[in-house]
């Protein structure tokens, strides 16, 4: 049974409808809606920006490959960071090498006491950022020579002539060459280095040169320049 709607109610609802319709279709209402949408979109963009660049709008520096935090294969840190805002193409290539081998350098630092910055700078320099013939064919990232007179097959290879000192070690992996490098620095010739603070990379670099690690008179300067340009000293902390 349908009850009749009182005329006063019908008039009231008709007036209400007209007022609402007028309000909704008003130019000011459209402006308000557009403003609200703009605010919502802006907030989403801001949130996305903070997620991508590490909160730089709030004065928070980006974490980087140099951080040694927990969790994740790369600890959720990006390749970029530190104090530098931009990296050259060459530095990015070098940092990619650092990202790949920093775990073993940090392991060597904890086990042997060798600064990770020194280990990585030497690896970068000696291996040509992992692209030298020795690095690619022998997994030898430090130019480690073979001084054994009775080498078994696959122990070393010759890269220039038949002189014994031109035979270089062959490793099953780059990590194995990193460990051999740590063993080398533990020999008597380099013992004075372990009296140094492990964060004193400059003294370590000069000490290596003075102990005869390399014949290049600029070897220490090259290591120091590499460590400072890539901020590798951050790993020693």
Protein backbone atom coordinates (compact mmCIF):
# COMPACT_ATOMS: atom_id res chain seq x y z
CA UNK A 1 0.00 0.00 0.00
CA UNK A 2 1.54 3.32 -1.11
CA UNK A 3 1.03 6.21 1.24
CA UNK A 4 0.79 9.66 -0.33
CA UNK A 5 3.75 12.01 0.33
CA UNK A 6 2.58 15.23 1.94
CA UNK A 7 2.96 18.20 -0.40
CA UNK A 8 5.00 20.10 2.20
CA UNK A 9 7.57 17.28 2.30
CA UNK A 10 7.71 17.05 -1.47
CA UNK A 11 8.32 20.79 -1.70
CA UNK A 12 11.03 20.56 0.95
CA UNK A 13 12.90 17.78 -0.89
CA UNK A 14 12.57 19.54 -4.24
CA UNK A 15 14.06 22.70 -2.74
CA UNK A 16 16.85 20.66 -1.10
CA UNK A 17 17.65 18.95 -4.40
CA UNK A 18 17.81 22.26 -6.25
CA UNK A 19 20.08 23.79 -3.61
CA UNK A 20 22.44 20.77 -3.67
CA UNK A 21 22.48 20.73 -7.45
CA UNK A 22 23.24 24.42 -7.50
CA UNK A 23 26.04 23.97 -4.94
CA UNK A 24 27.63 20.99 -6.73
CA UNK A 25 27.56 22.67 -10.14
CA UNK A 26 28.89 25.93 -8.74
CA UNK A 27 32.29 27.09 -10.15
CA UNK A 28 33.56 27.47 -6.59
CA UNK A 29 32.78 23.84 -5.82
CA UNK A 30 34.71 22.75 -8.91
CA UNK A 31 37.67 24.86 -7.84
CA UNK A 32 37.58 23.34 -4.35
CA UNK A 33 37.47 19.79 -5.74
CA UNK A 34 40.39 20.48 -8.08
CA UNK A 35 42.39 21.97 -5.21
CA UNK A 36 41.71 18.90 -3.07
CA UNK A 37 42.82 16.58 -5.88
CA UNK A 38 45.98 18.63 -6.37
CA UNK A 39 46.82 18.31 -2.66
CA UNK A 40 46.31 14.53 -2.75
CA UNK A 41 48.51 14.10 -5.85
CA UNK A 42 51.22 16.36 -4.43
CA UNK A 43 51.35 14.39 -1.19
CA UNK A 44 51.71 11.13 -3.11
CA UNK A 45 54.53 12.58 -5.21
CA UNK A 46 56.24 13.85 -2.08
CA UNK A 47 55.97 10.44 -0.45
CA UNK A 48 57.40 8.78 -3.57
CA UNK A 49 60.24 11.29 -3.74
CA UNK A 50 61.18 10.67 -0.12
CA UNK A 51 61.18 6.93 -0.74
CA UNK A 52 63.41 7.24 -3.81
CA UNK A 53 66.02 9.74 -2.69
CA UNK A 54 66.32 8.65 0.93
CA UNK A 55 64.56 11.61 2.48
CA UNK A 56 66.84 14.34 1.19
CA UNK A 57 63.99 16.88 1.59
CA UNK A 58 64.22 16.25 5.30
CA UNK A 59 67.99 16.60 5.37
CA UNK A 60 68.56 12.84 5.60
CA UNK A 61 71.57 11.62 3.62
CA UNK A 62 71.21 8.66 1.37
CA UNK A 63 72.69 5.42 2.56
CA UNK A 64 75.23 3.90 0.25
CA UNK A 65 77.17 0.89 -0.77
CA UNK A 66 79.65 1.76 1.96
CA UNK A 67 77.23 1.10 4.83
CA UNK A 68 77.52 -2.24 6.56
CA UNK A 69 74.05 -2.67 8.01
CA UNK A 70 72.03 -5.83 8.35
CA UNK A 71 69.46 -7.48 6.15
CA UNK A 72 69.31 -8.11 2.42
CA UNK A 73 71.99 -9.05 -0.06
CA UNK A 74 73.07 -5.42 -0.30
CA UNK A 75 71.45 -4.36 2.98
CA UNK A 76 68.88 -2.27 1.08
CA UNK A 77 71.51 0.40 0.40
CA UNK A 78 71.83 2.12 -2.95
CA UNK A 79 75.01 2.60 -4.91
CA UNK A 80 74.89 6.37 -4.48
CA UNK A 81 75.54 8.25 -1.31
CA UNK A 82 78.26 9.54 0.92
CA UNK A 83 79.21 13.19 0.76
CA UNK A 84 79.39 13.37 -3.02
CA UNK A 85 76.27 14.24 -4.95
CA UNK A 86 77.44 13.02 -8.35
CA UNK A 87 79.76 10.26 -9.53
CA UNK A 88 81.63 10.10 -12.83
CA UNK A 89 81.15 7.14 -15.16
CA UNK A 90 84.58 5.84 -14.13
CA UNK A 91 83.76 6.13 -10.44
CA UNK A 92 80.47 4.30 -10.95
CA UNK A 93 82.41 1.45 -12.58
CA UNK A 94 84.79 1.40 -9.63
CA UNK A 95 81.92 1.50 -7.13
CA UNK A 96 80.33 -1.44 -8.89
CA UNK A 97 83.55 -3.36 -8.19
CA UNK A 98 83.42 -2.23 -4.55
CA UNK A 99 79.82 -3.41 -4.30
CA UNK A 100 80.85 -6.82 -5.64
CA UNK A 101 83.84 -7.44 -3.36
CA UNK A 102 83.27 -5.36 -0.24
CA UNK A 103 82.03 -8.41 1.69
CA UNK A 104 85.37 -10.19 1.39
CA UNK A 105 87.30 -6.98 2.14
CA UNK A 106 85.27 -6.50 5.33
CA UNK A 107 85.85 -10.14 6.22
CA UNK A 108 89.60 -9.66 5.76
CA UNK A 109 89.49 -6.56 7.94
CA UNK A 110 87.82 -8.44 10.78
CA UNK A 111 89.99 -11.55 10.49
CA UNK A 112 93.37 -10.12 9.51
CA UNK A 113 93.16 -6.47 10.62
CA UNK A 114 93.78 -5.09 7.11
CA UNK A 115 91.72 -1.94 6.38
CA UNK A 116 88.95 -2.73 3.91
CA UNK A 117 89.74 0.53 2.09
CA UNK A 118 93.32 -0.61 1.47
CA UNK A 119 92.27 -4.08 0.29
CA UNK A 120 89.68 -2.71 -2.15
CA UNK A 121 91.92 0.10 -3.43
CA UNK A 122 94.67 -2.43 -4.12
CA UNK A 123 92.20 -4.76 -5.81
CA UNK A 124 90.87 -1.92 -7.96
CA UNK A 125 94.35 -0.76 -8.91
CA UNK A 126 96.00 -4.15 -9.43
CA UNK A 127 93.11 -5.71 -11.36
CA UNK A 128 92.19 -2.72 -13.52
CA UNK A 129 88.74 -2.68 -11.90
CA UNK A 130 88.52 -6.44 -12.41
CA UNK A 131 89.21 -6.24 -16.14
CA UNK A 132 92.92 -7.17 -16.34
CA UNK A 133 93.99 -10.41 -18.03
CA UNK A 134 95.07 -11.83 -14.68
CA UNK A 135 91.74 -10.98 -13.07
CA UNK A 136 89.66 -12.38 -15.92
CA UNK A 137 91.70 -15.52 -16.67
CA UNK A 138 93.30 -16.33 -13.30
CA UNK A 139 90.83 -14.73 -10.83
CA UNK A 140 93.99 -13.01 -9.58
CA UNK A 141 93.03 -9.49 -8.49
CA UNK A 142 96.34 -8.56 -6.84
CA UNK A 143 98.97 -9.67 -9.33
CA UNK A 144 100.08 -12.36 -6.89
CA UNK A 145 103.08 -14.22 -8.28
CA UNK A 146 103.99 -17.87 -7.89
CA UNK A 147 107.36 -18.55 -6.29
CA UNK A 148 107.00 -22.32 -5.99
CA UNK A 149 109.61 -24.33 -7.88
CA UNK A 150 107.35 -27.35 -8.16
CA UNK A 151 103.96 -26.08 -9.29
CA UNK A 152 101.19 -28.57 -9.92
CA UNK A 153 99.08 -28.16 -13.04
CA UNK A 154 96.65 -25.26 -12.75
CA UNK A 155 98.54 -23.60 -9.90
CA UNK A 156 99.99 -20.75 -11.96
CA UNK A 157 100.42 -19.44 -15.50
CA UNK A 158 102.92 -17.39 -17.44
CA UNK A 159 101.92 -14.07 -18.94
CA UNK A 160 105.10 -12.71 -20.53
CA UNK A 161 108.14 -14.98 -20.88
CA UNK A 162 109.71 -18.07 -19.37
CA UNK A 163 111.29 -16.29 -16.39
CA UNK A 164 110.05 -17.81 -13.14
CA UNK A 165 109.02 -14.46 -11.65
CA UNK A 166 106.55 -13.94 -14.46
CA UNK A 167 104.39 -16.85 -13.33
CA UNK A 168 101.21 -15.75 -11.60
CA UNK A 169 98.90 -17.67 -9.29
CA UNK A 170 95.62 -19.09 -10.59
CA UNK A 171 92.69 -18.94 -8.18
CA UNK A 172 89.34 -20.68 -8.28
CA UNK A 173 87.57 -17.41 -7.46
CA UNK A 174 88.34 -13.72 -6.87
CA UNK A 175 87.54 -14.26 -3.19
CA UNK A 176 90.33 -16.83 -2.98
CA UNK A 177 92.79 -14.26 -4.32
CA UNK A 178 91.57 -11.77 -1.71
CA UNK A 179 92.33 -14.29 1.04
CA UNK A 180 95.77 -14.98 -0.44
CA UNK A 181 96.40 -11.24 -0.43
CA UNK A 182 95.57 -11.18 3.29
CA UNK A 183 98.02 -14.02 3.92
CA UNK A 184 100.71 -12.17 1.99
CA UNK A 185 100.36 -9.04 4.13
CA UNK A 186 100.69 -11.16 7.25
CA UNK A 187 104.30 -11.96 6.36
CA UNK A 188 107.18 -10.45 8.35
CA UNK A 189 107.86 -7.76 5.76
CA UNK A 190 104.55 -6.05 6.52
CA UNK A 191 104.27 -6.64 10.27
CA UNK A 192 104.86 -2.97 11.15
CA UNK A 193 101.64 -2.08 9.37
CA UNK A 194 99.56 -3.92 11.94
CA UNK A 195 100.73 -1.52 14.63
CA UNK A 196 98.85 1.23 12.81
CA UNK A 197 95.24 2.15 13.42
CA UNK A 198 93.13 0.44 10.79
CA UNK A 199 91.41 3.76 10.02
CA UNK A 200 94.79 5.35 9.14
CA UNK A 201 94.67 4.40 5.47
CA UNK A 202 97.30 7.00 4.50
CA UNK A 203 99.93 5.43 6.75
CA UNK A 204 98.94 1.96 5.55
CA UNK A 205 99.34 3.01 1.92
CA UNK A 206 102.74 4.60 2.56
CA UNK A 207 103.83 1.65 4.69
CA UNK A 208 103.00 -0.80 1.90
CA UNK A 209 105.07 1.25 -0.53
CA UNK A 210 107.99 1.55 1.89
CA UNK A 211 107.91 -2.20 2.54
CA UNK A 212 108.34 -2.80 -1.20
CA UNK A 213 104.88 -4.05 -2.10
CA UNK A 214 105.13 -2.31 -5.49
CA UNK A 215 107.96 -0.80 -7.53
CA UNK A 216 105.85 2.18 -8.61
CA UNK A 217 107.10 5.19 -6.58
CA UNK A 218 103.60 6.70 -6.79
CA UNK A 219 101.86 3.55 -5.56
CA UNK A 220 100.92 4.99 -2.15
CA UNK A 221 99.59 8.21 -3.69
CA UNK A 222 97.46 6.21 -6.12
CA UNK A 223 95.95 4.16 -3.30
CA UNK A 224 95.21 7.25 -1.21
CA UNK A 225 93.66 9.06 -4.17
CA UNK A 226 91.49 6.02 -4.93
CA UNK A 227 90.34 5.69 -1.32
CA UNK A 228 89.48 9.37 -1.01
CA UNK A 229 87.77 9.81 -4.38
CA UNK A 230 85.52 6.78 -3.73
CA UNK A 231 85.21 7.44 0.02
CA UNK A 232 86.37 3.90 0.78
CA UNK A 233 87.58 5.04 4.18
CA UNK A 234 83.93 4.88 5.25
CA UNK A 235 84.24 1.07 5.28
CA UNK A 236 87.10 1.14 7.80
CA UNK A 237 84.80 2.56 10.45
